[in-house]
């Protein structure tokens, strides 16, 4: 009985430790150094995201990007919102823009959608700019 119990526990631990766990999509806070108005706007969008009000959050993040186009966190938050709303093609553009604007931001670069296979284009091509695969 004890051996069987330990076997079941060992099997459970093996499965639990080897199964891929994807982190839930979350949004980022406004970085230090942005204006108080921008930080407030990002916080407002984050509250709408938490309430799962995707269209309203999308509108707030778009306004933030219009006011501050180089704010990687706004692009990332918009991408997460679009991803949740099912607009994955547009979300990909904003994930890529956020990654380009914040090359050292581990949270942005480790975003599950950036690592998902569906977001990688045809990897058999020599280059993404090359129209011919070989």
Protein backbone atom coordinates (compact mmCIF):
# COMPACT_ATOMS: atom_id res chain seq x y z
CA UNK A 1 0.00 0.00 0.00
CA UNK A 2 2.74 2.44 0.97
CA UNK A 3 4.75 1.57 -2.17
CA UNK A 4 1.73 2.12 -4.39
CA UNK A 5 1.04 5.46 -2.71
CA UNK A 6 4.64 6.59 -3.20
CA UNK A 7 4.48 5.44 -6.83
CA UNK A 8 1.36 7.51 -7.45
CA UNK A 9 2.92 10.56 -5.79
CA UNK A 10 6.12 10.09 -7.84
CA UNK A 11 4.13 9.82 -11.07
CA UNK A 12 2.12 12.92 -10.18
CA UNK A 13 5.29 14.90 -9.47
CA UNK A 14 6.83 13.75 -12.72
CA UNK A 15 3.81 14.86 -14.73
CA UNK A 16 3.45 18.13 -12.82
CA UNK A 17 7.10 19.07 -13.25
CA UNK A 18 7.35 18.24 -16.94
CA UNK A 19 4.09 19.66 -18.22
CA UNK A 20 4.41 23.08 -19.82
CA UNK A 21 2.88 25.81 -17.77
CA UNK A 22 2.02 28.93 -19.68
CA UNK A 23 1.91 32.10 -17.69
CA UNK A 24 -1.35 33.99 -17.90
CA UNK A 25 -1.28 37.18 -19.90
CA UNK A 26 -0.93 40.14 -17.62
CA UNK A 27 -0.37 43.82 -18.22
CA UNK A 28 2.55 46.01 -17.22
CA UNK A 29 2.61 49.07 -15.02
CA UNK A 30 3.77 52.38 -16.43
CA UNK A 31 7.56 52.69 -16.08
CA UNK A 32 9.23 55.22 -13.85
CA UNK A 33 9.84 58.53 -15.55
CA UNK A 34 6.60 58.83 -17.51
CA UNK A 35 4.26 61.71 -16.81
CA UNK A 36 1.65 61.38 -14.09
CA UNK A 37 -1.10 61.67 -16.72
CA UNK A 38 0.38 58.78 -18.72
CA UNK A 39 0.82 56.62 -15.62
CA UNK A 40 -2.81 57.30 -14.68
CA UNK A 41 -3.96 56.39 -18.17
CA UNK A 42 -2.00 53.11 -18.13
CA UNK A 43 -3.43 52.31 -14.68
CA UNK A 44 -6.93 52.99 -15.99
CA UNK A 45 -6.34 50.62 -18.91
CA UNK A 46 -4.93 48.01 -16.53
CA UNK A 47 -8.06 48.23 -14.36
CA UNK A 48 -10.25 47.73 -17.43
CA UNK A 49 -8.06 44.78 -18.50
CA UNK A 50 -8.46 43.21 -15.05
CA UNK A 51 -12.23 43.66 -15.36
CA UNK A 52 -12.06 41.94 -18.78
CA UNK A 53 -13.47 44.99 -20.55
CA UNK A 54 -11.38 44.46 -23.68
CA UNK A 55 -12.84 47.18 -25.97
CA UNK A 56 -12.53 49.86 -23.28
CA UNK A 57 -9.00 48.81 -22.34
CA UNK A 58 -8.04 48.72 -26.02
CA UNK A 59 -9.26 52.30 -26.46
CA UNK A 60 -7.27 53.53 -23.44
CA UNK A 61 -4.06 51.82 -24.58
CA UNK A 62 -4.48 53.19 -28.11
CA UNK A 63 -4.79 56.69 -26.67
CA UNK A 64 -1.64 56.11 -24.62
CA UNK A 65 0.24 54.97 -27.73
CA UNK A 66 -0.99 58.00 -29.66
CA UNK A 67 0.35 60.27 -26.91
CA UNK A 68 3.58 58.30 -26.34
CA UNK A 69 4.38 56.04 -29.33
CA UNK A 70 7.68 54.81 -27.85
CA UNK A 71 6.15 53.50 -24.63
CA UNK A 72 6.79 49.75 -24.85
CA UNK A 73 4.49 48.97 -21.92
CA UNK A 74 1.52 50.57 -23.71
CA UNK A 75 2.21 48.48 -26.83
CA UNK A 76 2.55 45.33 -24.72
CA UNK A 77 -0.67 46.05 -22.82
CA UNK A 78 -2.53 46.75 -26.06
CA UNK A 79 -1.18 43.50 -27.51
CA UNK A 80 -2.33 41.53 -24.46
CA UNK A 81 -5.77 43.14 -24.71
CA UNK A 82 -6.05 42.42 -28.44
CA UNK A 83 -4.88 38.85 -27.83
CA UNK A 84 -7.60 38.35 -25.22
CA UNK A 85 -10.17 39.85 -27.61
CA UNK A 86 -9.17 37.35 -30.31
CA UNK A 87 -7.41 39.87 -32.58
CA UNK A 88 -4.16 37.90 -32.73
CA UNK A 89 -2.85 39.29 -36.03
CA UNK A 90 -2.93 42.85 -34.75
CA UNK A 91 -1.71 41.73 -31.32
CA UNK A 92 1.40 40.25 -32.93
CA UNK A 93 2.35 43.63 -34.38
CA UNK A 94 2.14 45.31 -30.99
CA UNK A 95 4.02 42.49 -29.22
CA UNK A 96 6.80 42.90 -31.78
CA UNK A 97 6.77 46.69 -31.40
CA UNK A 98 6.98 46.38 -27.61
CA UNK A 99 9.88 43.93 -27.93
CA UNK A 100 11.69 46.28 -30.31
CA UNK A 101 11.18 49.26 -28.00
CA UNK A 102 12.30 47.38 -24.87
CA UNK A 103 15.06 44.95 -25.85
CA UNK A 104 16.04 44.32 -22.22
CA UNK A 105 12.56 43.84 -20.79
CA UNK A 106 12.38 40.17 -19.82
CA UNK A 107 8.62 40.25 -19.18
CA UNK A 108 7.92 41.48 -22.71
CA UNK A 109 10.36 39.06 -24.34
CA UNK A 110 9.07 36.12 -22.32
CA UNK A 111 5.45 36.79 -23.21
CA UNK A 112 3.78 33.50 -24.13
CA UNK A 113 2.44 34.84 -27.42
CA UNK A 114 5.95 35.78 -28.58
CA UNK A 115 7.08 32.25 -27.86
CA UNK A 116 4.01 30.53 -29.32
CA UNK A 117 4.53 28.60 -32.48
CA UNK A 118 1.60 30.31 -34.19
CA UNK A 119 3.38 33.66 -33.94
CA UNK A 120 6.55 32.46 -35.64
CA UNK A 121 6.39 32.91 -39.36
CA UNK A 122 7.69 30.27 -41.74
CA UNK A 123 10.98 29.26 -40.12
CA UNK A 124 12.06 27.26 -43.15
CA UNK A 125 12.84 30.46 -45.01
CA UNK A 126 16.40 31.77 -45.02
CA UNK A 127 15.10 35.17 -44.04
CA UNK A 128 11.75 36.68 -43.24
CA UNK A 129 12.40 39.15 -46.04
CA UNK A 130 13.06 36.40 -48.57
CA UNK A 131 9.91 35.55 -50.57
CA UNK A 132 11.38 32.19 -51.63
CA UNK A 133 11.91 29.57 -48.93
CA UNK A 134 15.26 28.39 -50.35
